């Protein structure tokens, strides 16, 4: 069974340092653990929020998705699903303090 570790650190608690260390180790930390890359940052907050924030929340902010943003969100969801389905790794680590604002859905 694949284990997905969600690291949702509070702001100003060393989350960036942890993300930096995981990112410097490379996407494939070992033959068993994967820390995926979504764009240029080691912080997964922005891609995870873009991929999973509900439409209702976006409407409340009056911030509809920009052109191309939905495709990027879908690409992030697809990459995450691929990482979770990979038979090359037993664990996937996702880290981002901004994920704390996402709903359980």
N, C-alpha and C. Protein backbone atom coordinates (compact mmCIF):
# COMPACT_ATOMS: atom_id res chain seq x y z
N UNK A 1 0.84 -1.18 0.00
CA UNK A 1 0.00 0.00 0.00
C UNK A 1 0.89 1.24 0.00
N UNK A 2 0.53 2.21 -0.81
CA UNK A 2 1.26 3.47 -0.90
C UNK A 2 0.93 4.34 0.29
N UNK A 3 1.95 4.95 0.87
CA UNK A 3 1.76 5.88 1.98
C UNK A 3 1.99 7.29 1.46
N UNK A 4 1.01 8.17 1.67
CA UNK A 4 1.15 9.57 1.29
C UNK A 4 1.26 10.37 2.57
N UNK A 5 2.36 11.09 2.70
CA UNK A 5 2.61 11.90 3.89
C UNK A 5 2.32 13.35 3.54
N UNK A 6 1.35 13.94 4.22
CA UNK A 6 1.04 15.36 4.04
C UNK A 6 1.69 16.13 5.18
N UNK A 7 2.64 16.97 4.84
CA UNK A 7 3.28 17.83 5.84
C UNK A 7 2.68 19.21 5.67
N UNK A 8 1.83 19.59 6.62
CA UNK A 8 1.16 20.89 6.56
C UNK A 8 1.64 21.69 7.77
N UNK A 9 2.76 22.35 7.62
CA UNK A 9 3.33 23.10 8.73
C UNK A 9 2.68 24.46 8.88
N UNK A 10 2.64 24.92 10.09
CA UNK A 10 2.17 26.28 10.36
C UNK A 10 3.22 27.26 9.82
N UNK A 11 2.78 28.46 9.48
CA UNK A 11 3.71 29.48 9.00
C UNK A 11 4.74 29.79 10.10
N UNK A 12 5.97 30.05 9.68
CA UNK A 12 7.07 30.45 10.58
C UNK A 12 7.47 29.35 11.56
N UNK A 13 7.35 28.08 11.13
CA UNK A 13 7.75 26.97 12.01
C UNK A 13 8.82 26.09 11.38
N UNK A 14 9.49 26.60 10.35
CA UNK A 14 10.56 25.83 9.72
C UNK A 14 10.13 25.01 8.53
N UNK A 15 8.90 25.21 8.07
CA UNK A 15 8.39 24.44 6.93
C UNK A 15 9.26 24.65 5.69
N UNK A 16 9.65 25.88 5.42
CA UNK A 16 10.47 26.17 4.24
C UNK A 16 11.80 25.45 4.31
N UNK A 17 12.39 25.36 5.48
CA UNK A 17 13.65 24.64 5.65
C UNK A 17 13.48 23.15 5.36
N UNK A 18 12.40 22.59 5.83
CA UNK A 18 12.12 21.16 5.56
C UNK A 18 11.92 20.95 4.06
N UNK A 19 11.14 21.82 3.43
CA UNK A 19 10.89 21.71 1.99
C UNK A 19 12.19 21.84 1.20
N UNK A 20 13.03 22.77 1.61
CA UNK A 20 14.30 22.98 0.93
C UNK A 20 15.18 21.74 1.03
N UNK A 21 15.24 21.15 2.22
CA UNK A 21 16.04 19.94 2.41
C UNK A 21 15.50 18.79 1.57
N UNK A 22 14.18 18.62 1.56
CA UNK A 22 13.58 17.56 0.75
C UNK A 22 13.85 17.80 -0.73
N UNK A 23 13.71 19.05 -1.16
CA UNK A 23 13.93 19.40 -2.56
C UNK A 23 15.37 19.23 -2.99
N UNK A 24 16.33 19.56 -2.11
CA UNK A 24 17.74 19.42 -2.44
C UNK A 24 18.15 17.96 -2.55
N UNK A 25 17.43 17.11 -1.84
CA UNK A 25 17.72 15.68 -1.93
C UNK A 25 17.29 15.14 -3.29
N UNK A 26 16.49 15.91 -4.01
CA UNK A 26 16.02 15.50 -5.32
C UNK A 26 14.62 14.95 -5.23
N UNK A 27 13.93 14.88 -6.38
CA UNK A 27 12.57 14.37 -6.37
C UNK A 27 12.49 12.96 -5.80
N UNK A 28 13.48 12.14 -6.10
CA UNK A 28 13.51 10.77 -5.62
C UNK A 28 14.49 10.70 -4.46
N UNK A 29 13.99 10.83 -3.22
CA UNK A 29 14.85 10.86 -2.04
C UNK A 29 15.60 9.56 -1.87
N UNK A 30 14.97 8.49 -2.19
CA UNK A 30 15.58 7.17 -2.16
C UNK A 30 14.78 6.33 -3.14
N UNK A 31 15.10 5.09 -3.21
CA UNK A 31 14.32 4.25 -4.12
C UNK A 31 12.93 3.96 -3.56
N UNK A 32 12.62 4.47 -2.37
CA UNK A 32 11.34 4.19 -1.74
C UNK A 32 10.50 5.43 -1.45
N UNK A 33 11.12 6.63 -1.47
CA UNK A 33 10.41 7.86 -1.09
C UNK A 33 10.50 8.87 -2.21
N UNK A 34 9.36 9.47 -2.57
CA UNK A 34 9.31 10.46 -3.63
C UNK A 34 8.83 11.80 -3.08
N UNK A 35 9.59 12.86 -3.37
CA UNK A 35 9.16 14.23 -3.08
C UNK A 35 8.99 14.90 -4.44
N UNK A 36 7.76 14.89 -4.98
CA UNK A 36 7.55 15.35 -6.36
C UNK A 36 7.78 16.84 -6.55
N UNK A 37 8.12 17.20 -7.78
CA UNK A 37 8.26 18.61 -8.15
C UNK A 37 7.03 19.02 -8.95
N UNK A 38 6.47 20.15 -8.57
CA UNK A 38 5.37 20.76 -9.30
C UNK A 38 5.82 22.18 -9.61
N UNK A 39 6.47 22.39 -10.72
CA UNK A 39 6.98 23.71 -11.05
C UNK A 39 8.35 23.95 -10.45
N UNK A 40 8.65 25.21 -10.13
CA UNK A 40 10.00 25.60 -9.72
C UNK A 40 10.24 25.57 -8.21
N UNK A 41 9.18 25.49 -7.43
CA UNK A 41 9.32 25.63 -5.98
C UNK A 41 9.28 24.26 -5.30
N UNK A 42 9.98 24.17 -4.17
CA UNK A 42 9.91 22.97 -3.35
C UNK A 42 8.64 22.97 -2.50
N UNK A 43 8.03 24.14 -2.37
CA UNK A 43 6.81 24.30 -1.58
C UNK A 43 5.62 23.88 -2.43
N UNK A 44 4.83 22.93 -1.95
CA UNK A 44 3.70 22.42 -2.71
C UNK A 44 2.41 23.22 -2.47
N UNK A 45 2.45 24.27 -1.68
CA UNK A 45 1.24 25.03 -1.33
C UNK A 45 0.49 25.54 -2.55
N UNK A 46 1.16 26.26 -3.42
CA UNK A 46 0.49 26.90 -4.56
C UNK A 46 -0.08 25.86 -5.52
N UNK A 47 0.69 24.87 -5.95
CA UNK A 47 0.07 23.91 -6.87
C UNK A 47 -1.05 23.09 -6.24
N UNK A 48 -0.94 22.75 -4.97
CA UNK A 48 -2.00 21.97 -4.32
C UNK A 48 -3.26 22.81 -4.14
N UNK A 49 -3.10 24.07 -3.77
CA UNK A 49 -4.28 24.95 -3.63
C UNK A 49 -4.92 25.18 -5.00
N UNK A 50 -4.11 25.40 -6.03
CA UNK A 50 -4.66 25.61 -7.37
C UNK A 50 -5.39 24.36 -7.86
N UNK A 51 -4.87 23.20 -7.52
CA UNK A 51 -5.46 21.95 -8.00
C UNK A 51 -6.70 21.54 -7.23
N UNK A 52 -6.79 21.90 -5.95
CA UNK A 52 -7.85 21.35 -5.12
C UNK A 52 -8.77 22.36 -4.44
N UNK A 53 -8.50 23.64 -4.59
CA UNK A 53 -9.39 24.63 -4.00
C UNK A 53 -10.74 24.57 -4.70
N UNK A 54 -11.81 24.60 -3.95
CA UNK A 54 -13.14 24.44 -4.54
C UNK A 54 -13.55 25.68 -5.32
N UNK A 55 -14.42 25.48 -6.29
CA UNK A 55 -14.95 26.60 -7.08
C UNK A 55 -15.68 27.59 -6.18
N UNK A 56 -16.36 27.10 -5.16
CA UNK A 56 -17.09 27.97 -4.25
C UNK A 56 -16.14 28.96 -3.58
N UNK A 57 -14.99 28.48 -3.16
CA UNK A 57 -14.02 29.35 -2.50
C UNK A 57 -13.49 30.40 -3.50
N UNK A 58 -13.25 29.98 -4.74
CA UNK A 58 -12.77 30.92 -5.75
C UNK A 58 -13.81 32.01 -6.01
N UNK A 59 -15.09 31.61 -6.09
CA UNK A 59 -16.15 32.58 -6.33
C UNK A 59 -16.26 33.56 -5.17
N UNK A 60 -16.07 33.08 -3.96
CA UNK A 60 -16.13 33.95 -2.79
C UNK A 60 -15.02 34.99 -2.84
N UNK A 61 -13.90 34.62 -3.40
CA UNK A 61 -12.77 35.56 -3.54
C UNK A 61 -12.93 36.43 -4.78
N UNK A 62 -13.95 36.12 -5.58
CA UNK A 62 -14.15 36.80 -6.87
C UNK A 62 -12.90 36.71 -7.73
N UNK A 63 -12.31 35.53 -7.71
CA UNK A 63 -11.08 35.32 -8.47
C UNK A 63 -11.21 34.07 -9.34
N UNK A 64 -11.91 34.17 -10.46
CA UNK A 64 -12.02 33.00 -11.33
C UNK A 64 -10.64 32.62 -11.87
N UNK A 65 -10.55 31.39 -12.31
CA UNK A 65 -9.27 30.93 -12.85
C UNK A 65 -8.92 31.70 -14.11
N UNK A 66 -7.66 32.04 -14.22
CA UNK A 66 -7.16 32.72 -15.41
C UNK A 66 -7.05 31.70 -16.54
N UNK A 67 -6.98 32.18 -17.79
CA UNK A 67 -6.82 31.26 -18.91
C UNK A 67 -5.58 30.39 -18.72
N UNK A 68 -5.75 29.12 -18.91
CA UNK A 68 -4.63 28.18 -18.76
C UNK A 68 -4.46 27.66 -17.35
N UNK A 69 -5.09 28.32 -16.38
CA UNK A 69 -4.93 27.91 -14.98
C UNK A 69 -5.60 26.57 -14.71
N UNK A 70 -6.75 26.32 -15.32
CA UNK A 70 -7.44 25.04 -15.12
C UNK A 70 -6.61 23.90 -15.70
N UNK A 71 -5.95 24.13 -16.84
CA UNK A 71 -5.09 23.10 -17.41
C UNK A 71 -3.91 22.81 -16.50
N UNK A 72 -3.34 23.86 -15.88
CA UNK A 72 -2.24 23.68 -14.95
C UNK A 72 -2.70 22.92 -13.71
N UNK A 73 -3.90 23.26 -13.22
CA UNK A 73 -4.45 22.57 -12.06
C UNK A 73 -4.66 21.09 -12.37
N UNK A 74 -5.18 20.80 -13.57
CA UNK A 74 -5.39 19.41 -13.96
C UNK A 74 -4.06 18.68 -14.12
N UNK A 75 -3.06 19.36 -14.66
CA UNK A 75 -1.73 18.76 -14.80
C UNK A 75 -1.14 18.41 -13.43
N UNK A 76 -1.37 19.27 -12.44
CA UNK A 76 -0.90 18.99 -11.07
C UNK A 76 -1.62 17.79 -10.50
N UNK A 77 -2.95 17.73 -10.67
CA UNK A 77 -3.71 16.58 -10.18
C UNK A 77 -3.23 15.30 -10.86
N UNK A 78 -2.99 15.35 -12.17
CA UNK A 78 -2.52 14.18 -12.90
C UNK A 78 -1.14 13.73 -12.42
N UNK A 79 -0.24 14.70 -12.18
CA UNK A 79 1.11 14.37 -11.71
C UNK A 79 1.07 13.75 -10.31
N UNK A 80 0.18 14.28 -9.46
CA UNK A 80 0.04 13.73 -8.11
C UNK A 80 -0.51 12.31 -8.17
N UNK A 81 -1.51 12.09 -8.99
CA UNK A 81 -2.08 10.76 -9.14
C UNK A 81 -1.03 9.78 -9.68
N UNK A 82 -0.24 10.22 -10.64
CA UNK A 82 0.83 9.38 -11.19
C UNK A 82 1.84 9.02 -10.11
N UNK A 83 2.21 10.01 -9.29
CA UNK A 83 3.17 9.75 -8.20
C UNK A 83 2.61 8.74 -7.21
N UNK A 84 1.32 8.88 -6.91
CA UNK A 84 0.69 7.97 -5.95
C UNK A 84 0.51 6.56 -6.50
N UNK A 85 0.39 6.45 -7.80
CA UNK A 85 0.21 5.14 -8.43
C UNK A 85 1.54 4.47 -8.78
N UNK A 86 2.61 5.21 -8.71
CA UNK A 86 3.92 4.68 -9.09
C UNK A 86 4.27 3.45 -8.25
N UNK A 87 4.76 2.44 -8.90
CA UNK A 87 5.20 1.25 -8.17
C UNK A 87 6.68 1.35 -7.78
N UNK A 88 7.32 2.44 -8.17
CA UNK A 88 8.74 2.62 -7.86
C UNK A 88 8.97 3.14 -6.44
N UNK A 89 7.93 3.69 -5.83
CA UNK A 89 8.07 4.31 -4.51
C UNK A 89 7.00 3.80 -3.56
N UNK A 90 7.36 3.67 -2.29
CA UNK A 90 6.40 3.26 -1.27
C UNK A 90 5.73 4.46 -0.62
N UNK A 91 6.43 5.62 -0.63
CA UNK A 91 5.92 6.81 0.04
C UNK A 91 6.05 8.03 -0.87
N UNK A 92 5.07 8.91 -0.74
CA UNK A 92 5.10 10.21 -1.43
C UNK A 92 4.92 11.27 -0.35
N UNK A 93 5.78 12.28 -0.36
CA UNK A 93 5.69 13.37 0.62
C UNK A 93 5.22 14.63 -0.10
N UNK A 94 4.17 15.25 0.43
CA UNK A 94 3.66 16.53 -0.06
C UNK A 94 3.76 17.52 1.09
N UNK A 95 4.35 18.69 0.85
CA UNK A 95 4.57 19.64 1.93
C UNK A 95 4.19 21.06 1.51
N UNK A 96 3.36 21.70 2.34
CA UNK A 96 3.01 23.08 2.07
C UNK A 96 2.10 23.64 3.13
N UNK A 97 2.51 24.74 3.74
CA UNK A 97 1.69 25.34 4.78
C UNK A 97 0.38 25.89 4.25
N UNK A 98 0.35 26.30 3.01
CA UNK A 98 -0.87 26.86 2.42
C UNK A 98 -1.98 25.84 2.24
N UNK A 99 -1.66 24.56 2.36
CA UNK A 99 -2.69 23.54 2.21
C UNK A 99 -3.64 23.50 3.40
N UNK A 100 -3.30 24.17 4.48
CA UNK A 100 -4.15 24.15 5.67
C UNK A 100 -5.50 24.83 5.42
N UNK A 101 -5.58 25.66 4.39
CA UNK A 101 -6.84 26.35 4.10
C UNK A 101 -7.77 25.55 3.19
N UNK A 102 -7.31 24.39 2.71
CA UNK A 102 -8.17 23.56 1.87
C UNK A 102 -9.20 22.82 2.71
N UNK A 103 -10.36 22.57 2.12
CA UNK A 103 -11.38 21.80 2.84
C UNK A 103 -11.02 20.32 2.78
N UNK A 104 -11.65 19.55 3.59
CA UNK A 104 -11.42 18.11 3.60
C UNK A 104 -11.83 17.46 2.30
N UNK A 105 -12.72 18.08 1.57
CA UNK A 105 -13.16 17.53 0.28
C UNK A 105 -12.04 17.55 -0.72
